[in-house]
Amino acid sequence: MKDVQNQSDTRGVDIQKVGIKGIELPLKIQRKDADDIVVYSNATAGVSLPAHYKGTHMSRFVEVLNEWRTKKTLGIDIKGCVEAIVQRLDAKSGYLKLDFKYFINKTSPVTGISAPMCYDCFFEGILDNYNEDDEEYRFFLGVKVPVTTLCPCSKEISNYGAHNQRAIVSVKVTYPEDEHIWLEDLVRDIEKSASCELYPLLKREDEKFVTEKAYDNPKFVEDVLRDVVVLLRNNEIIDSFEVECESLESIHNHSAWAYQAEG
């Protein structure tokens, strides 16, 4: 049959990434101190395309992802999948991002009741200038952690009470191939940087505890961001990072926001 993708193109435009987006597939992930789990993931995969090629072969991305979906994944392990995509598509560079929901059991602070807490996470791998003698691979681990912030200004100026709200701390880190950061550890460290962490299940005694803890630990969005930045700076494994904190203000129809990138 005629292969239209392999026909030549004369417009002289090299495409940096072309592929598939929004493909849903199960992904097997290794967990810290727990059994492996299968999560729902949403994949984006692409390769570079030289100017003289009209198109890429979309079905080959699905073939590779289908082969890799049952392997135990630690995040950094997706390098093998990106390499397979590059080889199957005969490309010079490749890209893969896997967005997924990750559940960590959390225990309520007073009653000790355990329930699963959901976090939005991703693994991202980029393979540039790939050939048999020289390959440059970069891996990114990302997570969004919901927390509580309580406004120091509101506490200071009010005769009683202070406004608090949910905030989302988004972190993206890179580290060497021979190292590893567990999602559980990263999430836990980020939660410690807030006025109080969130819990999926709270009884009255627990609600009293988290309300008072946040009141005793007021933080601006700037405070949360700086604490997370210091935390990541002090992690010798991390090469570079991005941090974003968005406070979903309870007294405004807009968010307070802070961002920092280093490395």
C-alpha atoms as a PDB file:
ATOM      1  CA  MET A   1       0.000   0.000   0.000  1.00  0.00           C
ATOM      2  CA  LYS A   2       1.095   3.555  -0.643  1.00  0.00           C
ATOM      3  CA  ASP A   3       2.897   5.139   2.351  1.00  0.00           C
ATOM      4  CA  VAL A   4       1.974   8.831   2.259  1.00  0.00           C
ATOM      5  CA  GLN A   5       3.939   9.680   5.409  1.00  0.00           C
ATOM      6  CA  ASN A   6       7.206   8.762   3.734  1.00  0.00           C
ATOM      7  CA  GLN A   7       6.618  11.089   0.806  1.00  0.00           C
ATOM      8  CA  SER A   8       8.863  14.142   0.598  1.00  0.00           C
ATOM      9  CA  ASP A   9       7.931  17.671   1.686  1.00  0.00           C
ATOM     10  CA  THR A  10       9.408  20.786   0.099  1.00  0.00           C
ATOM     11  CA  ARG A  11       8.514  23.512   2.619  1.00  0.00           C
ATOM     12  CA  GLY A  12      11.791  23.215   4.527  1.00  0.00           C
ATOM     13  CA  VAL A  13      10.317  23.037   8.043  1.00  0.00           C
ATOM     14  CA  ASP A  14      11.860  20.682  10.607  1.00  0.00           C
ATOM     15  CA  ILE A  15       9.234  19.784  13.218  1.00  0.00           C
ATOM     16  CA  GLN A  16      10.506  19.654  16.804  1.00  0.00           C
ATOM     17  CA  LYS A  17       7.770  17.365  18.139  1.00  0.00           C
ATOM     18  CA  VAL A  18       5.044  15.445  16.357  1.00  0.00           C
ATOM     19  CA  GLY A  19       3.145  12.451  17.656  1.00  0.00           C
ATOM     20  CA  ILE A  20       0.111  11.576  19.742  1.00  0.00           C
ATOM     21  CA  LYS A  21      -1.569  13.255  22.708  1.00  0.00           C
ATOM     22  CA  GLY A  22      -4.296  12.098  25.070  1.00  0.00           C
ATOM     23  CA  ILE A  23      -3.834   8.361  24.731  1.00  0.00           C
ATOM     24  CA  GLU A  24      -5.181   6.649  27.839  1.00  0.00           C
ATOM     25  CA  LEU A  25      -3.475   3.550  29.141  1.00  0.00           C
ATOM     26  CA  PRO A  26      -2.812   1.651  32.388  1.00  0.00           C
ATOM     27  CA  LEU A  27       0.656   2.142  33.869  1.00  0.00           C
ATOM     28  CA  LYS A  28       2.340  -0.109  36.420  1.00  0.00           C
ATOM     29  CA  ILE A  29       4.258   1.863  39.061  1.00  0.00           C
ATOM     30  CA  GLN A  30       6.574   0.807  41.849  1.00  0.00           C
ATOM     31  CA  ARG A  31       5.707   2.305  45.233  1.00  0.00           C
ATOM     32  CA  LYS A  32       7.755   2.972  48.344  1.00  0.00           C
ATOM     33  CA  ASP A  33       7.158   0.343  51.030  1.00  0.00           C
ATOM     34  CA  ALA A  34       4.070  -0.976  49.272  1.00  0.00           C
ATOM     35  CA  ASP A  35       2.983  -3.292  46.483  1.00  0.00           C
ATOM     36  CA  ASP A  36       3.160  -2.128  42.882  1.00  0.00           C
ATOM     37  CA  ILE A  37      -0.023  -0.518  41.601  1.00  0.00           C
ATOM     38  CA  VAL A  38      -1.592   0.049  38.202  1.00  0.00           C
ATOM     39  CA  VAL A  39      -2.708   3.639  37.604  1.00  0.00           C
ATOM     40  CA  TYR A  40      -4.688   5.343  34.884  1.00  0.00           C
ATOM     41  CA  SER A  41      -2.347   7.492  32.808  1.00  0.00           C
ATOM     42  CA  ASN A  42      -2.713   9.950  29.953  1.00  0.00           C
ATOM     43  CA  ALA A  43       0.252   9.920  27.583  1.00  0.00           C
ATOM     44  CA  THR A  44       1.768  12.438  25.202  1.00  0.00           C
ATOM     45  CA  ALA A  45       4.521  11.127  22.935  1.00  0.00           C
ATOM     46  CA  GLY A  46       6.419  12.708  20.075  1.00  0.00           C
ATOM     47  CA  VAL A  47       9.551  12.665  17.958  1.00  0.00           C
ATOM     48  CA  SER A  48      11.417  15.147  15.799  1.00  0.00           C
ATOM     49  CA  LEU A  49      10.596  15.060  12.090  1.00  0.00           C
ATOM     50  CA  PRO A  50      13.095  16.174   9.423  1.00  0.00           C
ATOM     51  CA  ALA A  51      11.906  18.740   6.896  1.00  0.00           C
ATOM     52  CA  HIS A  52      12.021  16.322   3.974  1.00  0.00           C
ATOM     53  CA  TYR A  53       9.486  13.894   5.522  1.00  0.00           C
ATOM     54  CA  LYS A  54       5.782  14.619   5.059  1.00  0.00           C
ATOM     55  CA  GLY A  55       4.601  12.861   8.219  1.00  0.00           C
ATOM     56  CA  THR A  56       5.352  10.432  11.030  1.00  0.00           C
ATOM     57  CA  HIS A  57       3.820   7.017  11.726  1.00  0.00           C
ATOM     58  CA  MET A  58       1.264   7.552  14.484  1.00  0.00           C
ATOM     59  CA  SER A  59       0.453   3.875  15.044  1.00  0.00           C
ATOM     60  CA  ARG A  60       4.041   3.113  16.038  1.00  0.00           C
ATOM     61  CA  PHE A  61       3.734   5.294  19.140  1.00  0.00           C
ATOM     62  CA  VAL A  62       0.771   3.234  20.300  1.00  0.00           C
ATOM     63  CA  GLU A  63       2.644   0.006  19.594  1.00  0.00           C
ATOM     64  CA  VAL A  64       5.577   1.040  21.792  1.00  0.00           C
ATOM     65  CA  LEU A  65       3.391   2.349  24.623  1.00  0.00           C
ATOM     66  CA  ASN A  66       1.358  -0.846  24.574  1.00  0.00           C
ATOM     67  CA  GLU A  67       4.548  -2.897  24.904  1.00  0.00           C
ATOM     68  CA  TRP A  68       5.799  -0.809  27.849  1.00  0.00           C
ATOM     69  CA  ARG A  69       2.601  -0.324  29.845  1.00  0.00           C
ATOM     70  CA  THR A  70       3.029  -3.493  31.963  1.00  0.00           C
ATOM     71  CA  LYS A  71       6.657  -2.885  32.959  1.00  0.00           C
ATOM     72  CA  LYS A  72       7.404  -1.788  36.512  1.00  0.00           C
ATOM     73  CA  THR A  73       8.052   1.931  36.320  1.00  0.00           C
ATOM     74  CA  LEU A  74      10.073   4.061  38.729  1.00  0.00           C
ATOM     75  CA  GLY A  75       9.831   7.178  36.592  1.00  0.00           C
ATOM     76  CA  ILE A  76      13.429   7.315  35.447  1.00  0.00           C
ATOM     77  CA  ASP A  77      12.744   3.949  33.784  1.00  0.00           C
ATOM     78  CA  ILE A  78      10.694   5.576  31.027  1.00  0.00           C
ATOM     79  CA  LYS A  79      14.013   6.288  29.302  1.00  0.00           C
ATOM     80  CA  GLY A  80      13.779   2.841  27.749  1.00  0.00           C
ATOM     81  CA  CYS A  81      10.341   3.660  26.381  1.00  0.00           C
ATOM     82  CA  VAL A  82      11.546   6.968  24.903  1.00  0.00           C
ATOM     83  CA  GLU A  83      14.514   5.166  23.310  1.00  0.00           C
ATOM     84  CA  ALA A  84      12.159   2.573  21.844  1.00  0.00           C
ATOM     85  CA  ILE A  85       9.965   5.336  20.379  1.00  0.00           C
ATOM     86  CA  VAL A  86      13.007   7.043  18.825  1.00  0.00           C
ATOM     87  CA  GLN A  87      14.271   3.782  17.356  1.00  0.00           C
ATOM     88  CA  ARG A  88      10.876   2.651  16.057  1.00  0.00           C
ATOM     89  CA  LEU A  89      10.262   6.041  14.417  1.00  0.00           C
ATOM     90  CA  ASP A  90      13.883   6.396  13.199  1.00  0.00           C
ATOM     91  CA  ALA A  91      14.094   9.863  14.769  1.00  0.00           C
ATOM     92  CA  LYS A  92      16.848  12.015  16.273  1.00  0.00           C
ATOM     93  CA  SER A  93      14.964  13.013  19.407  1.00  0.00           C
ATOM     94  CA  GLY A  94      11.958  11.818  21.366  1.00  0.00           C
ATOM     95  CA  TYR A  95       9.538  12.971  24.040  1.00  0.00           C
ATOM     96  CA  LEU A  96       7.184  11.211  26.444  1.00  0.00           C
ATOM     97  CA  LYS A  97       4.979  12.533  29.242  1.00  0.00           C
ATOM     98  CA  LEU A  98       2.756  10.364  31.411  1.00  0.00           C
ATOM     99  CA  ASP A  99       0.192  12.205  33.543  1.00  0.00           C
ATOM    100  CA  PHE A 100      -1.471  10.074  36.204  1.00  0.00           C
ATOM    101  CA  LYS A 101      -3.371  10.054  39.499  1.00  0.00           C
ATOM    102  CA  TYR A 102      -1.379   8.679  42.428  1.00  0.00           C
ATOM    103  CA  PHE A 103      -2.971   7.625  45.718  1.00  0.00           C
ATOM    104  CA  ILE A 104      -1.155   7.687  49.047  1.00  0.00           C
ATOM    105  CA  ASN A 105      -2.813   6.457  52.225  1.00  0.00           C
ATOM    106  CA  LYS A 106      -2.932   9.162  54.889  1.00  0.00           C
ATOM    107  CA  THR A 107      -3.806   8.810  58.542  1.00  0.00           C
ATOM    108  CA  SER A 108      -5.951  11.466  60.220  1.00  0.00           C
ATOM    109  CA  PRO A 109      -3.914  13.332  62.859  1.00  0.00           C
ATOM    110  CA  VAL A 110      -5.930  12.500  65.996  1.00  0.00           C
ATOM    111  CA  THR A 111      -8.265   9.569  65.350  1.00  0.00           C
ATOM    112  CA  GLY A 112      -5.720   7.703  63.205  1.00  0.00           C
ATOM    113  CA  ILE A 113      -8.202   6.723  60.495  1.00  0.00           C
ATOM    114  CA  SER A 114      -6.548   5.857  57.169  1.00  0.00           C
ATOM    115  CA  ALA A 115      -7.916   6.806  53.752  1.00  0.00           C
ATOM    116  CA  PRO A 116      -6.393   7.338  50.283  1.00  0.00           C
ATOM    117  CA  MET A 117      -5.372  10.851  49.186  1.00  0.00           C
ATOM    118  CA  CYS A 118      -5.079  11.639  45.462  1.00  0.00           C
ATOM    119  CA  TYR A 119      -2.230  13.604  43.859  1.00  0.00           C
ATOM    120  CA  ASP A 120      -1.776  14.657  40.227  1.00  0.00           C
ATOM    121  CA  CYS A 121       1.665  13.472  39.075  1.00  0.00           C
ATOM    122  CA  PHE A 122       3.688  13.058  35.904  1.00  0.00           C
ATOM    123  CA  PHE A 123       6.796  11.412  34.507  1.00  0.00           C
ATOM    124  CA  GLU A 124       8.441  13.228  31.591  1.00  0.00           C
ATOM    125  CA  GLY A 125      11.392  12.074  29.503  1.00  0.00           C
ATOM    126  CA  ILE A 126      13.260  13.941  26.742  1.00  0.00           C
ATOM    127  CA  LEU A 127      15.900  12.370  24.533  1.00  0.00           C
ATOM    128  CA  ASP A 128      17.825  14.919  22.408  1.00  0.00           C
ATOM    129  CA  ASN A 129      20.339  14.540  19.567  1.00  0.00           C
ATOM    130  CA  TYR A 130      20.115  10.795  19.784  1.00  0.00           C
ATOM    131  CA  ASN A 131      22.475   8.488  17.930  1.00  0.00           C
ATOM    132  CA  GLU A 132      24.385   5.342  18.789  1.00  0.00           C
ATOM    133  CA  ASP A 133      27.436   7.228  20.091  1.00  0.00           C
ATOM    134  CA  ASP A 134      25.865  10.192  21.851  1.00  0.00           C
ATOM    135  CA  GLU A 135      22.585  10.519  23.737  1.00  0.00           C
ATOM    136  CA  GLU A 136      21.378  13.199  26.099  1.00  0.00           C
ATOM    137  CA  TYR A 137      18.472  12.179  28.316  1.00  0.00           C
ATOM    138  CA  ARG A 138      16.569  14.356  30.773  1.00  0.00           C
ATOM    139  CA  PHE A 139      13.946  13.095  33.184  1.00  0.00           C
ATOM    140  CA  PHE A 140      11.391  15.208  35.074  1.00  0.00           C
ATOM    141  CA  LEU A 141       9.236  14.181  38.022  1.00  0.00           C
ATOM    142  CA  GLY A 142       6.202  16.333  38.729  1.00  0.00           C
ATOM    143  CA  VAL A 143       3.541  16.472  41.421  1.00  0.00           C
ATOM    144  CA  LYS A 144       0.733  18.790  42.536  1.00  0.00           C
ATOM    145  CA  VAL A 145       0.168  18.826  46.281  1.00  0.00           C
ATOM    146  CA  PRO A 146      -2.961  20.433  47.809  1.00  0.00           C
ATOM    147  CA  VAL A 147      -2.343  22.090  51.188  1.00  0.00           C
ATOM    148  CA  THR A 148      -3.851  24.650  53.580  1.00  0.00           C
ATOM    149  CA  THR A 149      -2.579  28.216  53.953  1.00  0.00           C
ATOM    150  CA  LEU A 150      -3.679  30.726  56.587  1.00  0.00           C
ATOM    151  CA  CYS A 151      -3.064  34.427  55.985  1.00  0.00           C
ATOM    152  CA  PRO A 152      -0.636  36.047  58.476  1.00  0.00           C
ATOM    153  CA  CYS A 153      -2.018  39.511  57.709  1.00  0.00           C
ATOM    154  CA  SER A 154      -5.604  38.435  58.339  1.00  0.00           C
ATOM    155  CA  LYS A 155      -4.599  36.885  61.673  1.00  0.00           C
ATOM    156  CA  GLU A 156      -2.686  40.009  62.693  1.00  0.00           C
ATOM    157  CA  ILE A 157      -5.381  42.590  61.950  1.00  0.00           C
ATOM    158  CA  SER A 158      -8.466  40.655  63.065  1.00  0.00           C
ATOM    159  CA  ASN A 159      -9.824  40.596  66.590  1.00  0.00           C
ATOM    160  CA  TYR A 160     -10.631  36.917  66.105  1.00  0.00           C
ATOM    161  CA  GLY A 161     -10.178  34.367  63.332  1.00  0.00           C
ATOM    162  CA  ALA A 162      -8.228  34.520  60.078  1.00  0.00           C
ATOM    163  CA  HIS A 163      -9.076  33.528  56.541  1.00  0.00           C
ATOM    164  CA  ASN A 164      -7.599  30.286  55.282  1.00  0.00           C
ATOM    165  CA  GLN A 165      -7.877  28.413  52.017  1.00  0.00           C
ATOM    166  CA  ARG A 166      -6.635  25.550  49.939  1.00  0.00           C
ATOM    167  CA  ALA A 167      -3.433  26.082  47.967  1.00  0.00           C
ATOM    168  CA  ILE A 168      -1.822  23.967  45.264  1.00  0.00           C
ATOM    169  CA  VAL A 169       1.949  23.502  45.308  1.00  0.00           C
ATOM    170  CA  SER A 170       3.256  22.272  41.940  1.00  0.00           C
ATOM    171  CA  VAL A 171       6.808  20.923  41.861  1.00  0.00           C
ATOM    172  CA  LYS A 172       8.882  19.672  38.926  1.00  0.00           C
ATOM    173  CA  VAL A 173      12.354  18.242  39.604  1.00  0.00           C
ATOM    174  CA  THR A 174      15.195  16.635  37.674  1.00  0.00           C
ATOM    175  CA  TYR A 175      17.862  14.279  38.990  1.00  0.00           C
ATOM    176  CA  PRO A 176      20.518  11.871  37.625  1.00  0.00           C
ATOM    177  CA  GLU A 177      19.659   8.488  36.151  1.00  0.00           C
ATOM    178  CA  ASP A 178      21.461   6.629  38.936  1.00  0.00           C
ATOM    179  CA  GLU A 179      19.408   8.331  41.669  1.00  0.00           C
ATOM    180  CA  HIS A 180      15.761   8.120  42.675  1.00  0.00           C
ATOM    181  CA  ILE A 181      13.181  10.234  44.486  1.00  0.00           C
ATOM    182  CA  TRP A 182      10.041   8.546  45.747  1.00  0.00           C
ATOM    183  CA  LEU A 183       6.785  10.369  45.153  1.00  0.00           C
ATOM    184  CA  GLU A 184       5.782   9.637  48.748  1.00  0.00           C
ATOM    185  CA  ASP A 185       8.873  11.431  50.094  1.00  0.00           C
ATOM    186  CA  LEU A 186       8.487  14.436  47.816  1.00  0.00           C
ATOM    187  CA  VAL A 187       4.812  14.851  48.683  1.00  0.00           C
ATOM    188  CA  ARG A 188       5.459  14.552  52.410  1.00  0.00           C
ATOM    189  CA  ASP A 189       8.209  17.189  52.361  1.00  0.00           C
ATOM    190  CA  ILE A 190       6.033  19.628  50.408  1.00  0.00           C
ATOM    191  CA  GLU A 191       3.128  19.161  52.817  1.00  0.00           C
ATOM    192  CA  LYS A 192       5.370  20.120  55.733  1.00  0.00           C
ATOM    193  CA  SER A 193       5.961  23.518  54.089  1.00  0.00           C
ATOM    194  CA  ALA A 194       2.311  24.625  54.376  1.00  0.00           C
ATOM    195  CA  SER A 195       0.277  26.035  57.231  1.00  0.00           C
ATOM    196  CA  CYS A 196      -1.244  22.573  57.503  1.00  0.00           C
ATOM    197  CA  GLU A 197      -1.518  19.527  55.294  1.00  0.00           C
ATOM    198  CA  LEU A 198      -4.811  18.180  53.972  1.00  0.00           C
ATOM    199  CA  TYR A 199      -6.405  14.882  54.925  1.00  0.00           C
ATOM    200  CA  PRO A 200      -8.996  12.837  53.006  1.00  0.00           C
ATOM    201  CA  LEU A 201     -10.947  11.912  56.164  1.00  0.00           C
ATOM    202  CA  LEU A 202     -11.431  14.028  59.300  1.00  0.00           C
ATOM    203  CA  LYS A 203     -13.585  13.450  62.377  1.00  0.00           C
ATOM    204  CA  ARG A 204     -14.402  16.313  64.755  1.00  0.00           C
ATOM    205  CA  GLU A 205     -11.243  15.829  66.810  1.00  0.00           C
ATOM    206  CA  ASP A 206      -9.146  15.884  63.624  1.00  0.00           C
ATOM    207  CA  GLU A 207     -10.881  19.008  62.307  1.00  0.00           C
ATOM    208  CA  LYS A 208     -10.125  20.827  65.556  1.00  0.00           C
ATOM    209  CA  PHE A 209      -6.468  19.819  65.251  1.00  0.00           C
ATOM    210  CA  VAL A 210      -5.957  20.992  61.656  1.00  0.00           C
ATOM    211  CA  THR A 211      -7.862  24.242  62.235  1.00  0.00           C
ATOM    212  CA  GLU A 212      -5.700  25.148  65.210  1.00  0.00           C
ATOM    213  CA  LYS A 213      -2.489  23.971  63.556  1.00  0.00           C
ATOM    214  CA  ALA A 214      -3.070  26.242  60.561  1.00  0.00           C
ATOM    215  CA  TYR A 215      -3.935  29.163  62.873  1.00  0.00           C
ATOM    216  CA  ASP A 216      -0.682  28.647  64.786  1.00  0.00           C
ATOM    217  CA  ASN A 217       1.295  28.412  61.537  1.00  0.00           C
ATOM    218  CA  PRO A 218       0.179  31.296  59.252  1.00  0.00           C
ATOM    219  CA  LYS A 219       1.881  31.518  55.855  1.00  0.00           C
ATOM    220  CA  PHE A 220       1.676  33.726  52.784  1.00  0.00           C
ATOM    221  CA  VAL A 221       2.001  32.108  49.386  1.00  0.00           C
ATOM    222  CA  GLU A 222       5.532  33.587  49.396  1.00  0.00           C
ATOM    223  CA  ASP A 223       6.326  31.741  52.630  1.00  0.00           C
ATOM    224  CA  VAL A 224       5.226  28.399  51.243  1.00  0.00           C
ATOM    225  CA  LEU A 225       7.187  28.912  48.045  1.00  0.00           C
ATOM    226  CA  ARG A 226      10.371  29.905  49.884  1.00  0.00           C
ATOM    227  CA  ASP A 227      10.146  26.946  52.250  1.00  0.00           C
ATOM    228  CA  VAL A 228       9.764  24.540  49.326  1.00  0.00           C
ATOM    229  CA  VAL A 229      12.655  26.213  47.461  1.00  0.00           C
ATOM    230  CA  VAL A 230      14.944  25.820  50.484  1.00  0.00           C
ATOM    231  CA  LEU A 231      13.848  22.215  50.822  1.00  0.00           C
ATOM    232  CA  LEU A 232      14.715  21.447  47.191  1.00  0.00           C
ATOM    233  CA  ARG A 233      17.983  23.384  47.316  1.00  0.00           C
ATOM    234  CA  ASN A 234      19.076  21.216  50.238  1.00  0.00           C
ATOM    235  CA  ASN A 235      18.325  17.980  48.399  1.00  0.00           C
ATOM    236  CA  GLU A 236      21.692  16.892  46.985  1.00  0.00           C
ATOM    237  CA  ILE A 237      20.064  14.577  44.449  1.00  0.00           C
ATOM    238  CA  ILE A 238      18.090  17.292  42.643  1.00  0.00           C
ATOM    239  CA  ASP A 239      19.777  18.986  39.658  1.00  0.00           C
ATOM    240  CA  SER A 240      17.084  21.569  38.907  1.00  0.00           C
ATOM    241  CA  PHE A 241      13.522  22.372  39.867  1.00  0.00           C
ATOM    242  CA  GLU A 242      10.454  24.495  39.282  1.00  0.00           C
ATOM    243  CA  VAL A 243       8.010  25.423  42.040  1.00  0.00           C
ATOM    244  CA  GLU A 244       4.636  27.096  41.708  1.00  0.00           C
ATOM    245  CA  CYS A 245       2.256  27.882  44.532  1.00  0.00           C
ATOM    246  CA  GLU A 246      -1.305  29.022  43.863  1.00  0.00           C
ATOM    247  CA  SER A 247      -3.465  30.019  46.812  1.00  0.00           C
ATOM    248  CA  LEU A 248      -7.175  29.783  45.965  1.00  0.00           C
ATOM    249  CA  GLU A 249      -8.146  32.791  48.059  1.00  0.00           C
ATOM    250  CA  SER A 250     -11.297  32.530  50.152  1.00  0.00           C
ATOM    251  CA  ILE A 251     -11.862  36.321  50.326  1.00  0.00           C
ATOM    252  CA  HIS A 252     -11.040  37.166  46.685  1.00  0.00           C
ATOM    253  CA  ASN A 253     -12.252  36.049  43.287  1.00  0.00           C
ATOM    254  CA  HIS A 254      -8.638  35.545  42.231  1.00  0.00           C
ATOM    255  CA  SER A 255      -5.647  33.539  43.396  1.00  0.00           C
ATOM    256  CA  ALA A 256      -2.400  34.567  45.037  1.00  0.00           C
ATOM    257  CA  TRP A 257       0.505  33.064  43.088  1.00  0.00           C
ATOM    258  CA  ALA A 258       4.273  32.605  43.274  1.00  0.00           C
ATOM    259  CA  TYR A 259       6.815  30.846  41.029  1.00  0.00           C
ATOM    260  CA  GLN A 260      10.510  29.966  41.168  1.00  0.00           C
ATOM    261  CA  ALA A 261      12.848  27.958  38.888  1.00  0.00           C
ATOM    262  CA  GLU A 262      16.462  27.075  39.608  1.00  0.00           C
ATOM    263  CA  GLY A 263      19.190  24.922  38.126  1.00  0.00           C
END
